[in-house]
Amino acid sequence: FNTLSCVNAVTVQHPVKIYKFLKSIGSKYLQFIPIVE
């Protein structure tokens, strides 16, 4: 599995926290998708 994380007005405030979390759950391949609406 890969992980896909949307970067929005909330998540953008926590880059390192999110990155470390995704690693902690076993994700080896990370996708970050900016929300531009």
Full PDB file with SEQRES, HELIX, SHEET, SSBOND, CRYST1, ORIGX, SCALE, CONECT and MASTER records, all heavy atoms in Angstrom:
SEQRES   1 A   37  PHE ASN THR LEU SER CYS VAL ASN ALA VAL THR VAL GLN          
SEQRES   2 A   37  HIS PRO VAL LYS ILE TYR LYS PHE LEU LYS SER ILE GLY          
SEQRES   3 A   37  SER LYS TYR LEU GLN PHE ILE PRO ILE VAL GLU                  
HELIX    1 AA1 THR A   11  GLN A   13  5                                   3    
HELIX    2 AA2 PRO A   15  SER A   24  1                                  10    
SHEET    1 AA1 2 THR A   3  VAL A   7  0                                        
SHEET    2 AA1 2 LEU A  30  PRO A  34  1                                        
CRYST1    1.000    1.000    1.000  90.00  90.00  90.00 P 1           1          
ORIGX1      1.000000  0.000000  0.000000        0.00000                         
ORIGX2      0.000000  1.000000  0.000000        0.00000                         
ORIGX3      0.000000  0.000000  1.000000        0.00000                         
SCALE1      1.000000  0.000000  0.000000        0.00000                         
SCALE2      0.000000  1.000000  0.000000        0.00000                         
SCALE3      0.000000  0.000000  1.000000        0.00000                         
ATOM      1  N   PHE A   1       0.818  -1.203   0.000  1.00  0.00           N  
ATOM      2  CA  PHE A   1       0.000   0.000   0.000  1.00  0.00           C  
ATOM      3  C   PHE A   1       0.855   1.257   0.000  1.00  0.00           C  
ATOM      4  O   PHE A   1       1.981   1.278   0.481  1.00  0.00           O  
ATOM      5  CB  PHE A   1      -0.959   0.017   1.200  1.00  0.00           C  
ATOM      6  CG  PHE A   1      -0.301   0.249   2.537  1.00  0.00           C  
ATOM      7  CD1 PHE A   1      -0.203   1.531   3.074  1.00  0.00           C  
ATOM      8  CD2 PHE A   1       0.209  -0.818   3.279  1.00  0.00           C  
ATOM      9  CE1 PHE A   1       0.394   1.754   4.305  1.00  0.00           C  
ATOM     10  CE2 PHE A   1       0.817  -0.607   4.517  1.00  0.00           C  
ATOM     11  CZ  PHE A   1       0.907   0.689   5.026  1.00  0.00           C  
ATOM     12  N   ASN A   2       0.297   2.306  -0.601  1.00  0.00           N  
ATOM     13  CA  ASN A   2       0.811   3.658  -0.529  1.00  0.00           C  
ATOM     14  C   ASN A   2      -0.166   4.483   0.290  1.00  0.00           C  
ATOM     15  O   ASN A   2      -1.301   4.083   0.514  1.00  0.00           O  
ATOM     16  CB  ASN A   2       0.935   4.299  -1.917  1.00  0.00           C  
ATOM     17  CG  ASN A   2       1.758   3.525  -2.874  1.00  0.00           C  
ATOM     18  OD1 ASN A   2       2.612   2.823  -2.463  1.00  0.00           O  
ATOM     19  ND2 ASN A   2       1.500   3.648  -4.173  1.00  0.00           N  
ATOM     20  N   THR A   3       0.262   5.654   0.729  1.00  0.00           N  
ATOM     21  CA  THR A   3      -0.669   6.571   1.374  1.00  0.00           C  
ATOM     22  C   THR A   3      -0.815   7.837   0.546  1.00  0.00           C  
ATOM     23  O   THR A   3       0.146   8.316  -0.062  1.00  0.00           O  
ATOM     24  CB  THR A   3      -0.217   6.952   2.795  1.00  0.00           C  
ATOM     25  OG1 THR A   3       1.136   7.428   2.773  1.00  0.00           O  
ATOM     26  CG2 THR A   3      -0.332   5.765   3.723  1.00  0.00           C  
ATOM     27  N   LEU A   4      -2.028   8.342   0.512  1.00  0.00           N  
ATOM     28  CA  LEU A   4      -2.331   9.598  -0.156  1.00  0.00           C  
ATOM     29  C   LEU A   4      -2.903  10.542   0.886  1.00  0.00           C  
ATOM     30  O   LEU A   4      -3.912  10.238   1.525  1.00  0.00           O  
ATOM     31  CB  LEU A   4      -3.320   9.379  -1.305  1.00  0.00           C  
ATOM     32  CG  LEU A   4      -3.657  10.590  -2.178  1.00  0.00           C  
ATOM     33  CD1 LEU A   4      -4.051  10.120  -3.581  1.00  0.00           C  
ATOM     34  CD2 LEU A   4      -4.806  11.408  -1.587  1.00  0.00           C  
ATOM     35  N   SER A   5      -2.267  11.679   1.042  1.00  0.00           N  
ATOM     36  CA  SER A   5      -2.697  12.657   2.033  1.00  0.00           C  
ATOM     37  C   SER A   5      -2.976  13.984   1.349  1.00  0.00           C  
ATOM     38  O   SER A   5      -2.135  14.487   0.596  1.00  0.00           O  
ATOM     39  CB  SER A   5      -1.621  12.841   3.107  1.00  0.00           C  
ATOM     40  OG  SER A   5      -1.259  11.594   3.692  1.00  0.00           O  
ATOM     41  N   CYS A   6      -4.146  14.516   1.606  1.00  0.00           N  
ATOM     42  CA  CYS A   6      -4.514  15.803   1.024  1.00  0.00           C  
ATOM     43  C   CYS A   6      -4.000  16.935   1.902  1.00  0.00           C  
ATOM     44  O   CYS A   6      -4.169  16.911   3.128  1.00  0.00           O  
ATOM     45  CB  CYS A   6      -6.027  15.901   0.873  1.00  0.00           C  
ATOM     46  SG  CYS A   6      -6.690  14.761  -0.374  1.00  0.00           S  
ATOM     47  N   VAL A   7      -3.374  17.914   1.267  1.00  0.00           N  
ATOM     48  CA  VAL A   7      -2.824  19.055   1.991  1.00  0.00           C  
ATOM     49  C   VAL A   7      -3.796  20.212   1.839  1.00  0.00           C  
ATOM     50  O   VAL A   7      -3.947  20.797   0.770  1.00  0.00           O  
ATOM     51  CB  VAL A   7      -1.431  19.439   1.473  1.00  0.00           C  
ATOM     52  CG1 VAL A   7      -0.807  20.493   2.393  1.00  0.00           C  
ATOM     53  CG2 VAL A   7      -0.524  18.211   1.392  1.00  0.00           C  
ATOM     54  N   ASN A   8      -4.478  20.519   2.922  1.00  0.00           N  
ATOM     55  CA  ASN A   8      -5.508  21.546   2.912  1.00  0.00           C  
ATOM     56  C   ASN A   8      -5.191  22.612   3.955  1.00  0.00           C  
ATOM     57  O   ASN A   8      -4.086  22.640   4.510  1.00  0.00           O  
ATOM     58  CB  ASN A   8      -6.880  20.914   3.147  1.00  0.00           C  
ATOM     59  CG  ASN A   8      -6.906  20.057   4.415  1.00  0.00           C  
ATOM     60  OD1 ASN A   8      -6.719  20.542   5.532  1.00  0.00           O  
ATOM     61  ND2 ASN A   8      -7.130  18.748   4.235  1.00  0.00           N  
ATOM     62  N   ALA A   9      -6.150  23.469   4.221  1.00  0.00           N  
ATOM     63  CA  ALA A   9      -5.911  24.586   5.137  1.00  0.00           C  
ATOM     64  C   ALA A   9      -5.569  24.123   6.555  1.00  0.00           C  
ATOM     65  O   ALA A   9      -4.918  24.846   7.309  1.00  0.00           O  
ATOM     66  CB  ALA A   9      -7.133  25.501   5.165  1.00  0.00           C  
ATOM     67  N   VAL A  10      -5.997  22.910   6.923  1.00  0.00           N  
ATOM     68  CA  VAL A  10      -5.698  22.372   8.247  1.00  0.00           C  
ATOM     69  C   VAL A  10      -4.386  21.591   8.245  1.00  0.00           C  
ATOM     70  O   VAL A  10      -3.479  21.850   9.042  1.00  0.00           O  
ATOM     71  CB  VAL A  10      -6.851  21.474   8.753  1.00  0.00           C  
ATOM     72  CG1 VAL A  10      -6.466  20.783  10.062  1.00  0.00           C  
ATOM     73  CG2 VAL A  10      -8.126  22.286   8.935  1.00  0.00           C  
ATOM     74  N   THR A  11      -4.273  20.612   7.351  1.00  0.00           N  
ATOM     75  CA  THR A  11      -3.118  19.719   7.373  1.00  0.00           C  
ATOM     76  C   THR A  11      -1.814  20.445   7.067  1.00  0.00           C  
ATOM     77  O   THR A  11      -0.748  20.029   7.530  1.00  0.00           O  
ATOM     78  CB  THR A  11      -3.307  18.560   6.376  1.00  0.00           C  
ATOM     79  OG1 THR A  11      -3.570  19.091   5.072  1.00  0.00           O  
ATOM     80  CG2 THR A  11      -4.480  17.689   6.784  1.00  0.00           C  
ATOM     81  N   VAL A  12      -1.877  21.534   6.302  1.00  0.00           N  
ATOM     82  CA  VAL A  12      -0.659  22.252   5.930  1.00  0.00           C  
ATOM     83  C   VAL A  12       0.081  22.789   7.152  1.00  0.00           C  
ATOM     84  O   VAL A  12       1.280  23.068   7.094  1.00  0.00           O  
ATOM     85  CB  VAL A  12      -0.983  23.395   4.945  1.00  0.00           C  
ATOM     86  CG1 VAL A  12      -1.639  24.584   5.678  1.00  0.00           C  
ATOM     87  CG2 VAL A  12       0.256  23.846   4.194  1.00  0.00           C  
ATOM     88  N   GLN A  13      -0.606  22.894   8.276  1.00  0.00           N  
ATOM     89  CA  GLN A  13       0.001  23.411   9.497  1.00  0.00           C  
ATOM     90  C   GLN A  13       0.840  22.385  10.250  1.00  0.00           C  
ATOM     91  O   GLN A  13       1.530  22.729  11.209  1.00  0.00           O  
ATOM     92  CB  GLN A  13      -1.099  23.946  10.423  1.00  0.00           C  
ATOM     93  CG  GLN A  13      -1.986  25.018   9.801  1.00  0.00           C  
ATOM     94  CD  GLN A  13      -3.165  25.375  10.687  1.00  0.00           C  
ATOM     95  OE1 GLN A  13      -3.022  25.563  11.899  1.00  0.00           O  
ATOM     96  NE2 GLN A  13      -4.357  25.441  10.119  1.00  0.00           N  
ATOM     97  N   HIS A  14       0.830  21.117   9.798  1.00  0.00           N  
ATOM     98  CA  HIS A  14       1.462  20.051  10.569  1.00  0.00           C  
ATOM     99  C   HIS A  14       2.364  19.162   9.706  1.00  0.00           C  
ATOM    100  O   HIS A  14       2.222  17.929   9.731  1.00  0.00           O  
ATOM    101  CB  HIS A  14       0.379  19.196  11.248  1.00  0.00           C  
ATOM    102  CG  HIS A  14      -0.629  19.975  12.022  1.00  0.00           C  
ATOM    103  ND1 HIS A  14      -0.373  20.505  13.272  1.00  0.00           N  
ATOM    104  CD2 HIS A  14      -1.900  20.346  11.702  1.00  0.00           C  
ATOM    105  CE1 HIS A  14      -1.441  21.147  13.700  1.00  0.00           C  
ATOM    106  NE2 HIS A  14      -2.376  21.079  12.789  1.00  0.00           N  
ATOM    107  N   PRO A  15       3.294  19.712   8.942  1.00  0.00           N  
ATOM    108  CA  PRO A  15       4.063  18.893   7.994  1.00  0.00           C  
ATOM    109  C   PRO A  15       4.881  17.784   8.648  1.00  0.00           C  
ATOM    110  O   PRO A  15       4.786  16.613   8.242  1.00  0.00           O  
ATOM    111  CB  PRO A  15       4.973  19.916   7.298  1.00  0.00           C  
ATOM    112  CG  PRO A  15       5.015  21.107   8.215  1.00  0.00           C  
ATOM    113  CD  PRO A  15       3.676  21.141   8.875  1.00  0.00           C  
ATOM    114  N   VAL A  16       5.693  18.107   9.632  1.00  0.00           N  
ATOM    115  CA  VAL A  16       6.575  17.111  10.238  1.00  0.00           C  
ATOM    116  C   VAL A  16       5.766  16.080  11.017  1.00  0.00           C  
ATOM    117  O   VAL A  16       6.054  14.877  10.972  1.00  0.00           O  
ATOM    118  CB  VAL A  16       7.622  17.797  11.141  1.00  0.00           C  
ATOM    119  CG1 VAL A  16       8.467  16.759  11.873  1.00  0.00           C  
ATOM    120  CG2 VAL A  16       8.518  18.722  10.309  1.00  0.00           C  
ATOM    121  N   LYS A  17       4.743  16.546  11.712  1.00  0.00           N  
ATOM    122  CA  LYS A  17       3.867  15.652  12.469  1.00  0.00           C  
ATOM    123  C   LYS A  17       3.223  14.623  11.544  1.00  0.00           C  
ATOM    124  O   LYS A  17       3.173  13.421  11.850  1.00  0.00           O  
ATOM    125  CB  LYS A  17       2.804  16.470  13.185  1.00  0.00           C  
ATOM    126  CG  LYS A  17       1.886  15.680  14.102  1.00  0.00           C  
ATOM    127  CD  LYS A  17       0.906  16.630  14.787  1.00  0.00           C  
ATOM    128  CE  LYS A  17       0.056  15.934  15.809  1.00  0.00           C  
ATOM    129  NZ  LYS A  17      -0.870  16.907  16.494  1.00  0.00           N  
ATOM    130  N   ILE A  18       2.728  15.075  10.387  1.00  0.00           N  
ATOM    131  CA  ILE A  18       2.083  14.181   9.429  1.00  0.00           C  
ATOM    132  C   ILE A  18       3.103  13.215   8.831  1.00  0.00           C  
ATOM    133  O   ILE A  18       2.845  12.015   8.707  1.00  0.00           O  
ATOM    134  CB  ILE A  18       1.372  14.994   8.327  1.00  0.00           C  
ATOM    135  CG1 ILE A  18       0.157  15.720   8.921  1.00  0.00           C  
ATOM    136  CG2 ILE A  18       0.957  14.103   7.167  1.00  0.00           C  
ATOM    137  CD1 ILE A  18      -0.491  16.718   7.969  1.00  0.00           C  
ATOM    138  N   TYR A  19       4.262  13.739   8.454  1.00  0.00           N  
ATOM    139  CA  TYR A  19       5.302  12.904   7.856  1.00  0.00           C  
ATOM    140  C   TYR A  19       5.722  11.787   8.808  1.00  0.00           C  
ATOM    141  O   TYR A  19       5.799  10.609   8.416  1.00  0.00           O  
ATOM    142  CB  TYR A  19       6.501  13.764   7.480  1.00  0.00           C  
ATOM    143  CG  TYR A  19       7.652  13.000   6.867  1.00  0.00           C  
ATOM    144  CD1 TYR A  19       7.508  12.355   5.648  1.00  0.00           C  
ATOM    145  CD2 TYR A  19       8.890  12.927   7.515  1.00  0.00           C  
ATOM    146  CE1 TYR A  19       8.566  11.651   5.078  1.00  0.00           C  
ATOM    147  CE2 TYR A  19       9.950  12.236   6.952  1.00  0.00           C  
ATOM    148  CZ  TYR A  19       9.778  11.595   5.744  1.00  0.00           C  
ATOM    149  OH  TYR A  19      10.838  10.902   5.180  1.00  0.00           O  
ATOM    150  N   LYS A  20       5.978  12.110  10.057  1.00  0.00           N  
ATOM    151  CA  LYS A  20       6.392  11.099  11.033  1.00  0.00           C  
ATOM    152  C   LYS A  20       5.266  10.103  11.299  1.00  0.00           C  
ATOM    153  O   LYS A  20       5.517   8.906  11.473  1.00  0.00           O  
ATOM    154  CB  LYS A  20       6.841  11.777  12.327  1.00  0.00           C  
ATOM    155  CG  LYS A  20       8.164  12.528  12.191  1.00  0.00           C  
ATOM    156  CD  LYS A  20       8.586  13.142  13.513  1.00  0.00           C  
ATOM    157  CE  LYS A  20       9.965  13.810  13.388  1.00  0.00           C  
ATOM    158  NZ  LYS A  20      10.395  14.441  14.672  1.00  0.00           N  
ATOM    159  N   PHE A  21       4.041  10.590  11.318  1.00  0.00           N  
ATOM    160  CA  PHE A  21       2.899   9.692  11.516  1.00  0.00           C  
ATOM    161  C   PHE A  21       2.801   8.674  10.385  1.00  0.00           C  
ATOM    162  O   PHE A  21       2.621   7.481  10.633  1.00  0.00           O  
ATOM    163  CB  PHE A  21       1.607  10.504  11.622  1.00  0.00           C  
ATOM    164  CG  PHE A  21       0.362   9.651  11.504  1.00  0.00           C  
ATOM    165  CD1 PHE A  21      -0.096   8.913  12.572  1.00  0.00           C  
ATOM    166  CD2 PHE A  21      -0.333   9.585  10.299  1.00  0.00           C  
ATOM    167  CE1 PHE A  21      -1.226   8.113  12.454  1.00  0.00           C  
ATOM    168  CE2 PHE A  21      -1.465   8.797  10.173  1.00  0.00           C  
ATOM    169  CZ  PHE A  21      -1.916   8.056  11.252  1.00  0.00           C  
ATOM    170  N   LEU A  22       2.893   9.145   9.141  1.00  0.00           N  
ATOM    171  CA  LEU A  22       2.765   8.243   8.001  1.00  0.00           C  
ATOM    172  C   LEU A  22       3.862   7.182   8.014  1.00  0.00           C  
ATOM    173  O   LEU A  22       3.619   6.019   7.685  1.00  0.00           O  
ATOM    174  CB  LEU A  22       2.784   9.034   6.691  1.00  0.00           C  
ATOM    175  CG  LEU A  22       1.578   9.964   6.467  1.00  0.00           C  
ATOM    176  CD1 LEU A  22       1.804  10.844   5.245  1.00  0.00           C  
ATOM    177  CD2 LEU A  22       0.286   9.176   6.319  1.00  0.00           C  
ATOM    178  N   LYS A  23       5.047   7.564   8.399  1.00  0.00           N  
ATOM    179  CA  LYS A  23       6.123   6.575   8.536  1.00  0.00           C  
ATOM    180  C   LYS A  23       5.794   5.575   9.647  1.00  0.00           C  
ATOM    181  O   LYS A  23       6.051   4.376   9.519  1.00  0.00           O  
ATOM    182  CB  LYS A  23       7.463   7.261   8.817  1.00  0.00           C  
ATOM    183  CG  LYS A  23       8.045   8.026   7.654  1.00  0.00           C  
ATOM    184  CD  LYS A  23       9.537   8.288   7.833  1.00  0.00           C  
ATOM    185  CE  LYS A  23       9.818   9.111   9.081  1.00  0.00           C  
ATOM    186  NZ  LYS A  23      11.280   9.296   9.296  1.00  0.00           N  
ATOM    187  N   SER A  24       5.206   6.078  10.736  1.00  0.00           N  
ATOM    188  CA  SER A  24       4.934   5.214  11.884  1.00  0.00           C  
ATOM    189  C   SER A  24       3.892   4.142  11.589  1.00  0.00           C  
ATOM    190  O   SER A  24       3.892   3.087  12.232  1.00  0.00           O  
ATOM    191  CB  SER A  24       4.482   6.055  13.087  1.00  0.00           C  
ATOM    192  OG  SER A  24       3.134   6.509  12.924  1.00  0.00           O  
ATOM    193  N   ILE A  25       3.006   4.393  10.626  1.00  0.00           N  
ATOM    194  CA  ILE A  25       1.984   3.391  10.295  1.00  0.00           C  
ATOM    195  C   ILE A  25       2.450   2.448   9.191  1.00  0.00           C  
ATOM    196  O   ILE A  25       1.688   1.616   8.709  1.00  0.00           O  
ATOM    197  CB  ILE A  25       0.643   4.045   9.902  1.00  0.00           C  
ATOM    198  CG1 ILE A  25       0.772   4.885   8.629  1.00  0.00           C  
ATOM    199  CG2 ILE A  25       0.086   4.872  11.065  1.00  0.00           C  
ATOM    200  CD1 ILE A  25      -0.567   5.385   8.087  1.00  0.00           C  
ATOM    201  N   GLY A  26       3.717   2.579   8.786  1.00  0.00           N  
ATOM    202  CA  GLY A  26       4.279   1.640   7.828  1.00  0.00           C  
ATOM    203  C   GLY A  26       4.257   2.063   6.381  1.00  0.00           C  
ATOM    204  O   GLY A  26       4.566   1.269   5.489  1.00  0.00           O  
ATOM    205  N   SER A  27       3.906   3.324   6.104  1.00  0.00           N  
ATOM    206  CA  SER A  27       3.883   3.793   4.725  1.00  0.00           C  
ATOM    207  C   SER A  27       5.307   4.023   4.233  1.00  0.00           C  
ATOM    208  O   SER A  27       6.084   4.746   4.857  1.00  0.00           O  
ATOM    209  CB  SER A  27       3.072   5.079   4.604  1.00  0.00           C  
ATOM    210  OG  SER A  27       3.045   5.524   3.253  1.00  0.00           O  
ATOM    211  N   LYS A  28       5.633   3.425   3.105  1.00  0.00           N  
ATOM    212  CA  LYS A  28       6.948   3.596   2.492  1.00  0.00           C  
ATOM    213  C   LYS A  28       6.903   4.515   1.277  1.00  0.00           C  
ATOM    214  O   LYS A  28       7.937   4.956   0.785  1.00  0.00           O  
ATOM    215  CB  LYS A  28       7.506   2.236   2.046  1.00  0.00           C  
ATOM    216  CG  LYS A  28       7.651   1.218   3.174  1.00  0.00           C  
ATOM    217  CD  LYS A  28       8.722   1.601   4.158  1.00  0.00           C  
ATOM    218  CE  LYS A  28       8.959   0.500   5.179  1.00  0.00           C  
ATOM    219  NZ  LYS A  28       9.904   0.898   6.221  1.00  0.00           N  
ATOM    220  N   TYR A  29       5.695   4.769   0.781  1.00  0.00           N  
ATOM    221  CA  TYR A  29       5.527   5.610  -0.402  1.00  0.00           C  
ATOM    222  C   TYR A  29       4.410   6.604  -0.115  1.00  0.00           C  
ATOM    223  O   TYR A  29       3.259   6.209   0.068  1.00  0.00           O  
ATOM    224  CB  TYR A  29       5.216   4.762  -1.635  1.00  0.00           C  
ATOM    225  CG  TYR A  29       5.317   5.534  -2.930  1.00  0.00           C  
ATOM    226  CD1 TYR A  29       6.514   5.604  -3.630  1.00  0.00           C  
ATOM    227  CD2 TYR A  29       4.223   6.212  -3.435  1.00  0.00           C  
ATOM    228  CE1 TYR A  29       6.617   6.315  -4.809  1.00  0.00           C  
ATOM    229  CE2 TYR A  29       4.318   6.938  -4.617  1.00  0.00           C  
ATOM    230  CZ  TYR A  29       5.514   6.980  -5.301  1.00  0.00           C  
ATOM    231  OH  TYR A  29       5.622   7.699  -6.476  1.00  0.00           O  
ATOM    232  N   LEU A  30       4.749   7.874  -0.090  1.00  0.00           N  
ATOM    233  CA  LEU A  30       3.825   8.913   0.346  1.00  0.00           C  
ATOM    234  C   LEU A  30       3.477   9.852  -0.812  1.00  0.00           C  
ATOM    235  O   LEU A  30       4.362  10.289  -1.557  1.00  0.00           O  
ATOM    236  CB  LEU A  30       4.450   9.747   1.472  1.00  0.00           C  
ATOM    237  CG  LEU A  30       4.557   9.148   2.871  1.00  0.00           C  
ATOM    238  CD1 LEU A  30       5.345   7.858   2.911  1.00  0.00           C  
ATOM    239  CD2 LEU A  30       5.238  10.167   3.797  1.00  0.00           C  
ATOM    240  N   GLN A  31       2.207  10.124  -0.950  1.00  0.00           N  
ATOM    241  CA  GLN A  31       1.745  11.125  -1.914  1.00  0.00           C  
ATOM    242  C   GLN A  31       1.062  12.264  -1.159  1.00  0.00           C  
ATOM    243  O   GLN A  31       0.232  12.020  -0.289  1.00  0.00           O  
ATOM    244  CB  GLN A  31       0.739  10.529  -2.901  1.00  0.00           C  
ATOM    245  CG  GLN A  31       1.272   9.390  -3.743  1.00  0.00           C  
ATOM    246  CD  GLN A  31       0.199   8.824  -4.647  1.00  0.00           C  
ATOM    247  OE1 GLN A  31      -0.333   9.499  -5.528  1.00  0.00           O  
ATOM    248  NE2 GLN A  31      -0.137   7.569  -4.428  1.00  0.00           N  
ATOM    249  N   PHE A  32       1.413  13.481  -1.512  1.00  0.00           N  
ATOM    250  CA  PHE A  32       0.778  14.660  -0.944  1.00  0.00           C  
ATOM    251  C   PHE A  32       0.077  15.420  -2.066  1.00  0.00           C  
ATOM    252  O   PHE A  32       0.710  15.829  -3.034  1.00  0.00           O  
ATOM    253  CB  PHE A  32       1.804  15.545  -0.239  1.00  0.00           C  
ATOM    254  CG  PHE A  32       2.430  14.894   0.956  1.00  0.00           C  
ATOM    255  CD1 PHE A  32       3.747  14.436   0.912  1.00  0.00           C  
ATOM    256  CD2 PHE A  32       1.714  14.720   2.118  1.00  0.00           C  
ATOM    257  CE1 PHE A  32       4.328  13.826   2.016  1.00  0.00           C  
ATOM    258  CE2 PHE A  32       2.282  14.102   3.229  1.00  0.00           C  
ATOM    259  CZ  PHE A  32       3.584  13.660   3.179  1.00  0.00           C  
ATOM    260  N   ILE A  33      -1.225  15.606  -1.923  1.00  0.00           N  
ATOM    261  CA  ILE A  33      -2.045  16.239  -2.948  1.00  0.00           C  
ATOM    262  C   ILE A  33      -2.549  17.574  -2.439  1.00  0.00           C  
ATOM    263  O   ILE A  33      -3.306  17.627  -1.462  1.00  0.00           O  
ATOM    264  CB  ILE A  33      -3.242  15.352  -3.340  1.00  0.00           C  
ATOM    265  CG1 ILE A  33      -2.785  13.943  -3.742  1.00  0.00           C  
ATOM    266  CG2 ILE A  33      -4.050  16.014  -4.460  1.00  0.00           C  
ATOM    267  CD1 ILE A  33      -1.893  13.890  -4.939  1.00  0.00           C  
ATOM    268  N   PRO A  34      -2.161  18.691  -3.059  1.00  0.00           N  
ATOM    269  CA  PRO A  34      -2.640  19.991  -2.593  1.00  0.00           C  
ATOM    270  C   PRO A  34      -4.108  20.214  -2.965  1.00  0.00           C  
ATOM    271  O   PRO A  34      -4.525  19.927  -4.094  1.00  0.00           O  
ATOM    272  CB  PRO A  34      -1.733  20.986  -3.325  1.00  0.00           C  
ATOM    273  CG  PRO A  34      -1.329  20.268  -4.589  1.00  0.00           C  
ATOM    274  CD  PRO A  34      -1.242  18.804  -4.217  1.00  0.00           C  
ATOM    275  N   ILE A  35      -4.883  20.693  -2.030  1.00  0.00           N  
ATOM    276  CA  ILE A  35      -6.275  21.049  -2.291  1.00  0.00           C  
ATOM    277  C   ILE A  35      -6.311  22.486  -2.784  1.00  0.00           C  
ATOM    278  O   ILE A  35      -6.035  23.425  -2.033  1.00  0.00           O  
ATOM    279  CB  ILE A  35      -7.144  20.883  -1.032  1.00  0.00           C  
ATOM    280  CG1 ILE A  35      -7.146  19.415  -0.578  1.00  0.00           C  
ATOM    281  CG2 ILE A  35      -8.569  21.368  -1.278  1.00  0.00           C  
ATOM    282  CD1 ILE A  35      -7.711  18.441  -1.577  1.00  0.00           C  
ATOM    283  N   VAL A  36      -6.624  22.646  -4.061  1.00  0.00           N  
ATOM    284  CA  VAL A  36      -6.660  23.963  -4.693  1.00  0.00           C  
ATOM    285  C   VAL A  36      -8.036  24.148  -5.310  1.00  0.00           C  
ATOM    286  O   VAL A  36      -8.267  23.856  -6.486  1.00  0.00           O  
ATOM    287  CB  VAL A  36      -5.554  24.108  -5.755  1.00  0.00           C  
ATOM    288  CG1 VAL A  36      -5.577  25.515  -6.362  1.00  0.00           C  
ATOM    289  CG2 VAL A  36      -4.185  23.822  -5.151  1.00  0.00           C  
ATOM    290  N   GLU A  37      -8.981  24.564  -4.511  1.00  0.00           N  
ATOM    291  CA  GLU A  37     -10.350  24.758  -4.970  1.00  0.00           C  
ATOM    292  C   GLU A  37     -10.770  26.210  -4.738  1.00  0.00           C  
ATOM    293  O   GLU A  37     -10.479  26.800  -3.700  1.00  0.00           O  
ATOM    294  CB  GLU A  37     -11.323  23.822  -4.247  1.00  0.00           C  
ATOM    295  CG  GLU A  37     -11.021  22.331  -4.422  1.00  0.00           C  
ATOM    296  CD  GLU A  37     -11.174  21.840  -5.856  1.00  0.00           C  
ATOM    297  OE1 GLU A  37     -11.785  22.581  -6.684  1.00  0.00           O  
ATOM    298  OE2 GLU A  37     -10.687  20.736  -6.158  1.00  0.00           O  
TER     299      GLU A  37                                                      
MASTER        0    0    0    2    2    0    0    6  298    1    0    3          
END                                                                             
